[in-house]
mmCIF file of all heavy atoms, coordinates in Angstrom:
data_MODEL
# 
_entry.id   MODEL 
# 
loop_
_atom_site.group_PDB 
_atom_site.id 
_atom_site.type_symbol 
_atom_site.label_atom_id 
_atom_site.label_alt_id 
_atom_site.label_comp_id 
_atom_site.label_asym_id 
_atom_site.label_entity_id 
_atom_site.label_seq_id 
_atom_site.pdbx_PDB_ins_code 
_atom_site.Cartn_x 
_atom_site.Cartn_y 
_atom_site.Cartn_z 
_atom_site.occupancy 
_atom_site.B_iso_or_equiv 
_atom_site.pdbx_formal_charge 
_atom_site.auth_seq_id 
_atom_site.auth_comp_id 
_atom_site.auth_asym_id 
_atom_site.auth_atom_id 
_atom_site.pdbx_PDB_model_num 
ATOM 1   N N   . GLY A 1 1  ? -86.549 144.798 -22.777 1.00 0.00 ? 1  GLY A N   1 
ATOM 2   C CA  . GLY A 1 1  ? -87.081 143.948 -23.840 1.00 0.00 ? 1  GLY A CA  1 
ATOM 3   C C   . GLY A 1 1  ? -88.197 143.045 -23.350 1.00 0.00 ? 1  GLY A C   1 
ATOM 4   O O   . GLY A 1 1  ? -88.125 142.465 -22.264 1.00 0.00 ? 1  GLY A O   1 
ATOM 5   N N   . ASP A 1 2  ? -89.247 142.915 -24.157 1.00 0.00 ? 2  ASP A N   1 
ATOM 6   C CA  . ASP A 1 2  ? -90.374 142.051 -23.817 1.00 0.00 ? 2  ASP A CA  1 
ATOM 7   C C   . ASP A 1 2  ? -89.964 140.605 -24.089 1.00 0.00 ? 2  ASP A C   1 
ATOM 8   O O   . ASP A 1 2  ? -89.578 140.254 -25.205 1.00 0.00 ? 2  ASP A O   1 
ATOM 9   C CB  . ASP A 1 2  ? -91.591 142.436 -24.662 1.00 0.00 ? 2  ASP A CB  1 
ATOM 10  C CG  . ASP A 1 2  ? -92.818 141.602 -24.342 1.00 0.00 ? 2  ASP A CG  1 
ATOM 11  O OD1 . ASP A 1 2  ? -92.902 140.467 -24.870 1.00 0.00 ? 2  ASP A OD1 1 
ATOM 12  O OD2 . ASP A 1 2  ? -93.676 142.075 -23.588 1.00 0.00 ? 2  ASP A OD2 1 
ATOM 13  N N   . LEU A 1 3  ? -90.095 139.746 -23.065 1.00 0.00 ? 3  LEU A N   1 
ATOM 14  C CA  . LEU A 1 3  ? -89.617 138.369 -23.172 1.00 0.00 ? 3  LEU A CA  1 
ATOM 15  C C   . LEU A 1 3  ? -90.382 137.583 -24.245 1.00 0.00 ? 3  LEU A C   1 
ATOM 16  O O   . LEU A 1 3  ? -89.778 136.823 -25.022 1.00 0.00 ? 3  LEU A O   1 
ATOM 17  C CB  . LEU A 1 3  ? -89.749 137.670 -21.818 1.00 0.00 ? 3  LEU A CB  1 
ATOM 18  C CG  . LEU A 1 3  ? -89.122 136.280 -21.715 1.00 0.00 ? 3  LEU A CG  1 
ATOM 19  C CD1 . LEU A 1 3  ? -87.625 136.317 -21.979 1.00 0.00 ? 3  LEU A CD1 1 
ATOM 20  C CD2 . LEU A 1 3  ? -89.403 135.677 -20.331 1.00 0.00 ? 3  LEU A CD2 1 
ATOM 21  N N   . THR A 1 4  ? -91.687 137.768 -24.321 1.00 0.00 ? 4  THR A N   1 
ATOM 22  C CA  . THR A 1 4  ? -92.488 137.039 -25.312 1.00 0.00 ? 4  THR A CA  1 
ATOM 23  C C   . THR A 1 4  ? -92.115 137.446 -26.729 1.00 0.00 ? 4  THR A C   1 
ATOM 24  O O   . THR A 1 4  ? -91.924 136.608 -27.614 1.00 0.00 ? 4  THR A O   1 
ATOM 25  C CB  . THR A 1 4  ? -93.993 137.274 -25.069 1.00 0.00 ? 4  THR A CB  1 
ATOM 26  O OG1 . THR A 1 4  ? -94.322 136.838 -23.748 1.00 0.00 ? 4  THR A OG1 1 
ATOM 27  C CG2 . THR A 1 4  ? -94.828 136.517 -26.079 1.00 0.00 ? 4  THR A CG2 1 
ATOM 28  N N   . LYS A 1 5  ? -92.025 138.766 -26.946 1.00 0.00 ? 5  LYS A N   1 
ATOM 29  C CA  . LYS A 1 5  ? -91.599 139.249 -28.264 1.00 0.00 ? 5  LYS A CA  1 
ATOM 30  C C   . LYS A 1 5  ? -90.194 138.748 -28.590 1.00 0.00 ? 5  LYS A C   1 
ATOM 31  O O   . LYS A 1 5  ? -89.920 138.301 -29.705 1.00 0.00 ? 5  LYS A O   1 
ATOM 32  C CB  . LYS A 1 5  ? -91.607 140.785 -28.304 1.00 0.00 ? 5  LYS A CB  1 
ATOM 33  C CG  . LYS A 1 5  ? -92.964 141.436 -28.230 1.00 0.00 ? 5  LYS A CG  1 
ATOM 34  C CD  . LYS A 1 5  ? -92.811 142.959 -28.244 1.00 0.00 ? 5  LYS A CD  1 
ATOM 35  C CE  . LYS A 1 5  ? -94.121 143.669 -27.995 1.00 0.00 ? 5  LYS A CE  1 
ATOM 36  N NZ  . LYS A 1 5  ? -93.943 145.145 -27.919 1.00 0.00 ? 5  LYS A NZ  1 
ATOM 37  N N   . GLY A 1 6  ? -89.315 138.841 -27.591 1.00 0.00 ? 6  GLY A N   1 
ATOM 38  C CA  . GLY A 1 6  ? -87.919 138.470 -27.810 1.00 0.00 ? 6  GLY A CA  1 
ATOM 39  C C   . GLY A 1 6  ? -87.761 137.011 -28.223 1.00 0.00 ? 6  GLY A C   1 
ATOM 40  O O   . GLY A 1 6  ? -87.006 136.692 -29.145 1.00 0.00 ? 6  GLY A O   1 
ATOM 41  N N   . LYS A 1 7  ? -88.475 136.120 -27.538 1.00 0.00 ? 7  LYS A N   1 
ATOM 42  C CA  . LYS A 1 7  ? -88.384 134.688 -27.867 1.00 0.00 ? 7  LYS A CA  1 
ATOM 43  C C   . LYS A 1 7  ? -88.781 134.440 -29.320 1.00 0.00 ? 7  LYS A C   1 
ATOM 44  O O   . LYS A 1 7  ? -88.102 133.708 -30.061 1.00 0.00 ? 7  LYS A O   1 
ATOM 45  C CB  . LYS A 1 7  ? -89.276 133.878 -26.930 1.00 0.00 ? 7  LYS A CB  1 
ATOM 46  C CG  . LYS A 1 7  ? -88.761 133.783 -25.506 1.00 0.00 ? 7  LYS A CG  1 
ATOM 47  C CD  . LYS A 1 7  ? -89.819 133.243 -24.549 1.00 0.00 ? 7  LYS A CD  1 
ATOM 48  C CE  . LYS A 1 7  ? -90.173 131.796 -24.829 1.00 0.00 ? 7  LYS A CE  1 
ATOM 49  N NZ  . LYS A 1 7  ? -91.093 131.260 -23.803 1.00 0.00 ? 7  LYS A NZ  1 
ATOM 50  N N   . ALA A 1 8  ? -89.868 135.056 -29.746 1.00 0.00 ? 8  ALA A N   1 
ATOM 51  C CA  . ALA A 1 8  ? -90.360 134.837 -31.111 1.00 0.00 ? 8  ALA A CA  1 
ATOM 52  C C   . ALA A 1 8  ? -89.438 135.466 -32.150 1.00 0.00 ? 8  ALA A C   1 
ATOM 53  O O   . ALA A 1 8  ? -89.127 134.850 -33.179 1.00 0.00 ? 8  ALA A O   1 
ATOM 54  C CB  . ALA A 1 8  ? -91.771 135.409 -31.249 1.00 0.00 ? 8  ALA A CB  1 
ATOM 55  N N   . ILE A 1 9  ? -88.987 136.686 -31.889 1.00 0.00 ? 9  ILE A N   1 
ATOM 56  C CA  . ILE A 1 9  ? -88.144 137.402 -32.853 1.00 0.00 ? 9  ILE A CA  1 
ATOM 57  C C   . ILE A 1 9  ? -86.809 136.696 -33.033 1.00 0.00 ? 9  ILE A C   1 
ATOM 58  O O   . ILE A 1 9  ? -86.343 136.467 -34.154 1.00 0.00 ? 9  ILE A O   1 
ATOM 59  C CB  . ILE A 1 9  ? -87.942 138.870 -32.403 1.00 0.00 ? 9  ILE A CB  1 
ATOM 60  C CG1 . ILE A 1 9  ? -89.247 139.653 -32.549 1.00 0.00 ? 9  ILE A CG1 1 
ATOM 61  C CG2 . ILE A 1 9  ? -86.813 139.533 -33.199 1.00 0.00 ? 9  ILE A CG2 1 
ATOM 62  C CD1 . ILE A 1 9  ? -89.224 141.021 -31.903 1.00 0.00 ? 9  ILE A CD1 1 
ATOM 63  N N   . ILE A 1 10 ? -86.169 136.342 -31.926 1.00 0.00 ? 10 ILE A N   1 
ATOM 64  C CA  . ILE A 1 10 ? -84.848 135.714 -31.994 1.00 0.00 ? 10 ILE A CA  1 
ATOM 65  C C   . ILE A 1 10 ? -84.944 134.346 -32.675 1.00 0.00 ? 10 ILE A C   1 
ATOM 66  O O   . ILE A 1 10 ? -84.111 134.001 -33.519 1.00 0.00 ? 10 ILE A O   1 
ATOM 67  C CB  . ILE A 1 10 ? -84.245 135.604 -30.580 1.00 0.00 ? 10 ILE A CB  1 
ATOM 68  C CG1 . ILE A 1 10 ? -83.927 137.010 -30.044 1.00 0.00 ? 10 ILE A CG1 1 
ATOM 69  C CG2 . ILE A 1 10 ? -82.985 134.735 -30.585 1.00 0.00 ? 10 ILE A CG2 1 
ATOM 70  C CD1 . ILE A 1 10 ? -83.688 137.058 -28.548 1.00 0.00 ? 10 ILE A CD1 1 
ATOM 71  N N   . HIS A 1 11 ? -85.966 133.590 -32.331 1.00 0.00 ? 11 HIS A N   1 
ATOM 72  C CA  . HIS A 1 11 ? -86.142 132.273 -32.943 1.00 0.00 ? 11 HIS A CA  1 
ATOM 73  C C   . HIS A 1 11 ? -86.358 132.400 -34.454 1.00 0.00 ? 11 HIS A C   1 
ATOM 74  O O   . HIS A 1 11 ? -85.752 131.678 -35.249 1.00 0.00 ? 11 HIS A O   1 
ATOM 75  C CB  . HIS A 1 11 ? -87.325 131.548 -32.293 1.00 0.00 ? 11 HIS A CB  1 
ATOM 76  C CG  . HIS A 1 11 ? -87.566 130.186 -32.840 1.00 0.00 ? 11 HIS A CG  1 
ATOM 77  N ND1 . HIS A 1 11 ? -88.617 129.899 -33.690 1.00 0.00 ? 11 HIS A ND1 1 
ATOM 78  C CD2 . HIS A 1 11 ? -86.880 129.017 -32.690 1.00 0.00 ? 11 HIS A CD2 1 
ATOM 79  C CE1 . HIS A 1 11 ? -88.567 128.627 -34.032 1.00 0.00 ? 11 HIS A CE1 1 
ATOM 80  N NE2 . HIS A 1 11 ? -87.533 128.061 -33.433 1.00 0.00 ? 11 HIS A NE2 1 
ATOM 81  N N   . ASN A 1 12 ? -87.214 133.324 -34.851 1.00 0.00 ? 12 ASN A N   1 
ATOM 82  C CA  . ASN A 1 12 ? -87.493 133.505 -36.271 1.00 0.00 ? 12 ASN A CA  1 
ATOM 83  C C   . ASN A 1 12 ? -86.259 134.000 -37.034 1.00 0.00 ? 12 ASN A C   1 
ATOM 84  O O   . ASN A 1 12 ? -85.941 133.492 -38.113 1.00 0.00 ? 12 ASN A O   1 
ATOM 85  C CB  . ASN A 1 12 ? -88.644 134.498 -36.444 1.00 0.00 ? 12 ASN A CB  1 
ATOM 86  C CG  . ASN A 1 12 ? -88.980 134.743 -37.904 1.00 0.00 ? 12 ASN A CG  1 
ATOM 87  O OD1 . ASN A 1 12 ? -88.641 135.779 -38.475 1.00 0.00 ? 12 ASN A OD1 1 
ATOM 88  N ND2 . ASN A 1 12 ? -89.658 133.787 -38.527 1.00 0.00 ? 12 ASN A ND2 1 
ATOM 89  N N   . ALA A 1 13 ? -85.564 134.965 -36.448 1.00 0.00 ? 13 ALA A N   1 
ATOM 90  C CA  . ALA A 1 13 ? -84.394 135.536 -37.124 1.00 0.00 ? 13 ALA A CA  1 
ATOM 91  C C   . ALA A 1 13 ? -83.285 134.509 -37.303 1.00 0.00 ? 13 ALA A C   1 
ATOM 92  O O   . ALA A 1 13 ? -82.530 134.556 -38.279 1.00 0.00 ? 13 ALA A O   1 
ATOM 93  C CB  . ALA A 1 13 ? -83.876 136.745 -36.347 1.00 0.00 ? 13 ALA A CB  1 
ATOM 94  N N   . LYS A 1 14 ? -83.190 133.556 -36.378 1.00 0.00 ? 14 LYS A N   1 
ATOM 95  C CA  . LYS A 1 14 ? -82.118 132.558 -36.455 1.00 0.00 ? 14 LYS A CA  1 
ATOM 96  C C   . LYS A 1 14 ? -82.513 131.333 -37.265 1.00 0.00 ? 14 LYS A C   1 
ATOM 97  O O   . LYS A 1 14 ? -81.692 130.798 -38.031 1.00 0.00 ? 14 LYS A O   1 
ATOM 98  C CB  . LYS A 1 14 ? -81.712 132.114 -35.039 1.00 0.00 ? 14 LYS A CB  1 
ATOM 99  C CG  . LYS A 1 14 ? -80.607 131.064 -34.981 1.00 0.00 ? 14 LYS A CG  1 
ATOM 100 C CD  . LYS A 1 14 ? -79.254 131.578 -35.469 1.00 0.00 ? 14 LYS A CD  1 
ATOM 101 C CE  . LYS A 1 14 ? -78.878 131.219 -36.862 1.00 0.00 ? 14 LYS A CE  1 
ATOM 102 N NZ  . LYS A 1 14 ? -77.554 131.714 -37.271 1.00 0.00 ? 14 LYS A NZ  1 
ATOM 103 N N   . THR A 1 15 ? -83.741 130.870 -37.113 1.00 0.00 ? 15 THR A N   1 
ATOM 104 C CA  . THR A 1 15 ? -84.064 129.525 -37.631 1.00 0.00 ? 15 THR A CA  1 
ATOM 105 C C   . THR A 1 15 ? -84.932 129.508 -38.879 1.00 0.00 ? 15 THR A C   1 
ATOM 106 O O   . THR A 1 15 ? -85.083 128.452 -39.494 1.00 0.00 ? 15 THR A O   1 
ATOM 107 C CB  . THR A 1 15 ? -84.769 128.681 -36.549 1.00 0.00 ? 15 THR A CB  1 
ATOM 108 O OG1 . THR A 1 15 ? -86.057 129.249 -36.258 1.00 0.00 ? 15 THR A OG1 1 
ATOM 109 C CG2 . THR A 1 15 ? -83.931 128.625 -35.278 1.00 0.00 ? 15 THR A CG2 1 
ATOM 110 N N   . ARG A 1 16 ? -85.547 130.638 -39.275 1.00 0.00 ? 16 ARG A N   1 
ATOM 111 C CA  . ARG A 1 16 ? -86.444 130.598 -40.437 1.00 0.00 ? 16 ARG A CA  1 
ATOM 112 C C   . ARG A 1 16 ? -85.714 130.051 -41.660 1.00 0.00 ? 16 ARG A C   1 
ATOM 113 O O   . ARG A 1 16 ? -86.151 129.107 -42.291 1.00 0.00 ? 16 ARG A O   1 
ATOM 114 C CB  . ARG A 1 16 ? -87.003 131.992 -40.747 1.00 0.00 ? 16 ARG A CB  1 
ATOM 115 C CG  . ARG A 1 16 ? -88.125 131.983 -41.788 1.00 0.00 ? 16 ARG A CG  1 
ATOM 116 C CD  . ARG A 1 16 ? -88.404 133.369 -42.342 1.00 0.00 ? 16 ARG A CD  1 
ATOM 117 N NE  . ARG A 1 16 ? -87.365 133.786 -43.250 1.00 0.00 ? 16 ARG A NE  1 
ATOM 118 C CZ  . ARG A 1 16 ? -87.336 133.505 -44.566 1.00 0.00 ? 16 ARG A CZ  1 
ATOM 119 N NH1 . ARG A 1 16 ? -88.303 132.795 -45.101 1.00 0.00 ? 16 ARG A NH1 1 
ATOM 120 N NH2 . ARG A 1 16 ? -86.341 133.929 -45.328 1.00 0.00 ? 16 ARG A NH2 1 
ATOM 121 N N   . ARG A 1 17 ? -84.598 130.662 -42.000 1.00 0.00 ? 17 ARG A N   1 
ATOM 122 C CA  . ARG A 1 17 ? -83.705 130.129 -43.037 1.00 0.00 ? 17 ARG A CA  1 
ATOM 123 C C   . ARG A 1 17 ? -82.292 130.530 -42.628 1.00 0.00 ? 17 ARG A C   1 
ATOM 124 O O   . ARG A 1 17 ? -81.801 131.605 -42.990 1.00 0.00 ? 17 ARG A O   1 
ATOM 125 C CB  . ARG A 1 17 ? -84.038 130.678 -44.428 1.00 0.00 ? 17 ARG A CB  1 
ATOM 126 C CG  . ARG A 1 17 ? -85.188 129.974 -45.106 1.00 0.00 ? 17 ARG A CG  1 
ATOM 127 C CD  . ARG A 1 17 ? -85.259 130.282 -46.589 1.00 0.00 ? 17 ARG A CD  1 
ATOM 128 N NE  . ARG A 1 17 ? -84.183 129.645 -47.346 1.00 0.00 ? 17 ARG A NE  1 
ATOM 129 C CZ  . ARG A 1 17 ? -83.950 129.848 -48.641 1.00 0.00 ? 17 ARG A CZ  1 
ATOM 130 N NH1 . ARG A 1 17 ? -84.736 130.669 -49.324 1.00 0.00 ? 17 ARG A NH1 1 
ATOM 131 N NH2 . ARG A 1 17 ? -82.960 129.237 -49.258 1.00 0.00 ? 17 ARG A NH2 1 
ATOM 132 N N   . PRO A 1 18 ? -81.617 129.711 -41.867 1.00 0.00 ? 18 PRO A N   1 
ATOM 133 C CA  . PRO A 1 18 ? -80.305 130.093 -41.322 1.00 0.00 ? 18 PRO A CA  1 
ATOM 134 C C   . PRO A 1 18 ? -79.229 130.315 -42.368 1.00 0.00 ? 18 PRO A C   1 
ATOM 135 O O   . PRO A 1 18 ? -78.216 130.941 -42.081 1.00 0.00 ? 18 PRO A O   1 
ATOM 136 C CB  . PRO A 1 18 ? -79.946 128.914 -40.404 1.00 0.00 ? 18 PRO A CB  1 
ATOM 137 C CG  . PRO A 1 18 ? -80.794 127.787 -40.867 1.00 0.00 ? 18 PRO A CG  1 
ATOM 138 C CD  . PRO A 1 18 ? -82.059 128.396 -41.382 1.00 0.00 ? 18 PRO A CD  1 
ATOM 139 N N   . SER A 1 19 ? -79.449 129.838 -43.599 1.00 0.00 ? 19 SER A N   1 
ATOM 140 C CA  . SER A 1 19 ? -78.409 129.950 -44.618 1.00 0.00 ? 19 SER A CA  1 
ATOM 141 C C   . SER A 1 19 ? -78.457 131.257 -45.398 1.00 0.00 ? 19 SER A C   1 
ATOM 142 O O   . SER A 1 19 ? -77.649 131.469 -46.302 1.00 0.00 ? 19 SER A O   1 
ATOM 143 C CB  . SER A 1 19 ? -78.530 128.784 -45.610 1.00 0.00 ? 19 SER A CB  1 
ATOM 144 O OG  . SER A 1 19 ? -79.738 128.869 -46.347 1.00 0.00 ? 19 SER A OG  1 
ATOM 145 N N   . VAL A 1 20 ? -79.389 132.155 -45.060 1.00 0.00 ? 20 VAL A N   1 
ATOM 146 C CA  . VAL A 1 20 ? -79.495 133.400 -45.816 1.00 0.00 ? 20 VAL A CA  1 
ATOM 147 C C   . VAL A 1 20 ? -78.862 134.554 -45.048 1.00 0.00 ? 20 VAL A C   1 
ATOM 148 O O   . VAL A 1 20 ? -78.631 134.480 -43.839 1.00 0.00 ? 20 VAL A O   1 
ATOM 149 C CB  . VAL A 1 20 ? -80.967 133.717 -46.166 1.00 0.00 ? 20 VAL A CB  1 
ATOM 150 C CG1 . VAL A 1 20 ? -81.535 132.645 -47.084 1.00 0.00 ? 20 VAL A CG1 1 
ATOM 151 C CG2 . VAL A 1 20 ? -81.821 133.849 -44.912 1.00 0.00 ? 20 VAL A CG2 1 
ATOM 152 N N   . CYS A 1 21 ? -78.614 135.652 -45.785 1.00 0.00 ? 21 CYS A N   1 
ATOM 153 C CA  . CYS A 1 21 ? -77.781 136.728 -45.231 1.00 0.00 ? 21 CYS A CA  1 
ATOM 154 C C   . CYS A 1 21 ? -78.476 137.561 -44.163 1.00 0.00 ? 21 CYS A C   1 
ATOM 155 O O   . CYS A 1 21 ? -77.810 138.304 -43.441 1.00 0.00 ? 21 CYS A O   1 
ATOM 156 C CB  . CYS A 1 21 ? -77.270 137.630 -46.353 1.00 0.00 ? 21 CYS A CB  1 
ATOM 157 S SG  . CYS A 1 21 ? -78.585 138.355 -47.368 1.00 0.00 ? 21 CYS A SG  1 
ATOM 158 N N   . ASN A 1 22 ? -79.813 137.465 -44.033 1.00 0.00 ? 22 ASN A N   1 
ATOM 159 C CA  . ASN A 1 22 ? -80.480 138.261 -42.995 1.00 0.00 ? 22 ASN A CA  1 
ATOM 160 C C   . ASN A 1 22 ? -80.720 137.485 -41.709 1.00 0.00 ? 22 ASN A C   1 
ATOM 161 O O   . ASN A 1 22 ? -81.404 137.955 -40.809 1.00 0.00 ? 22 ASN A O   1 
ATOM 162 C CB  . ASN A 1 22 ? -81.804 138.830 -43.527 1.00 0.00 ? 22 ASN A CB  1 
ATOM 163 C CG  . ASN A 1 22 ? -82.768 137.761 -44.007 1.00 0.00 ? 22 ASN A CG  1 
ATOM 164 O OD1 . ASN A 1 22 ? -82.721 136.619 -43.551 1.00 0.00 ? 22 ASN A OD1 1 
ATOM 165 N ND2 . ASN A 1 22 ? -83.639 138.114 -44.945 1.00 0.00 ? 22 ASN A ND2 1 
ATOM 166 N N   . SER A 1 23 ? -80.161 136.279 -41.602 1.00 0.00 ? 23 SER A N   1 
ATOM 167 C CA  . SER A 1 23 ? -80.370 135.477 -40.393 1.00 0.00 ? 23 SER A CA  1 
ATOM 168 C C   . SER A 1 23 ? -79.468 135.958 -39.254 1.00 0.00 ? 23 SER A C   1 
ATOM 169 O O   . SER A 1 23 ? -78.374 136.469 -39.478 1.00 0.00 ? 23 SER A O   1 
ATOM 170 C CB  . SER A 1 23 ? -80.124 133.992 -40.667 1.00 0.00 ? 23 SER A CB  1 
ATOM 171 O OG  . SER A 1 23 ? -78.780 133.760 -41.006 1.00 0.00 ? 23 SER A OG  1 
ATOM 172 N N   . LEU A 1 24 ? -79.922 135.777 -38.049 1.00 0.00 ? 24 LEU A N   1 
ATOM 173 C CA  . LEU A 1 24 ? -79.231 136.274 -36.852 1.00 0.00 ? 24 LEU A CA  1 
ATOM 174 C C   . LEU A 1 24 ? -77.919 135.530 -36.610 1.00 0.00 ? 24 LEU A C   1 
ATOM 175 O O   . LEU A 1 24 ? -77.880 134.301 -36.654 1.00 0.00 ? 24 LEU A O   1 
ATOM 176 C CB  . LEU A 1 24 ? -80.154 136.118 -35.637 1.00 0.00 ? 24 LEU A CB  1 
ATOM 177 C CG  . LEU A 1 24 ? -79.591 136.512 -34.273 1.00 0.00 ? 24 LEU A CG  1 
ATOM 178 C CD1 . LEU A 1 24 ? -79.230 137.991 -34.238 1.00 0.00 ? 24 LEU A CD1 1 
ATOM 179 C CD2 . LEU A 1 24 ? -80.600 136.175 -33.187 1.00 0.00 ? 24 LEU A CD2 1 
# 
């Protein structure tokens, strides 16, 4: 896994809207 991609993807998936069903 690419560390730069991973940091951005994981952060977005978890914090964009944590209360919705597609959040990490």
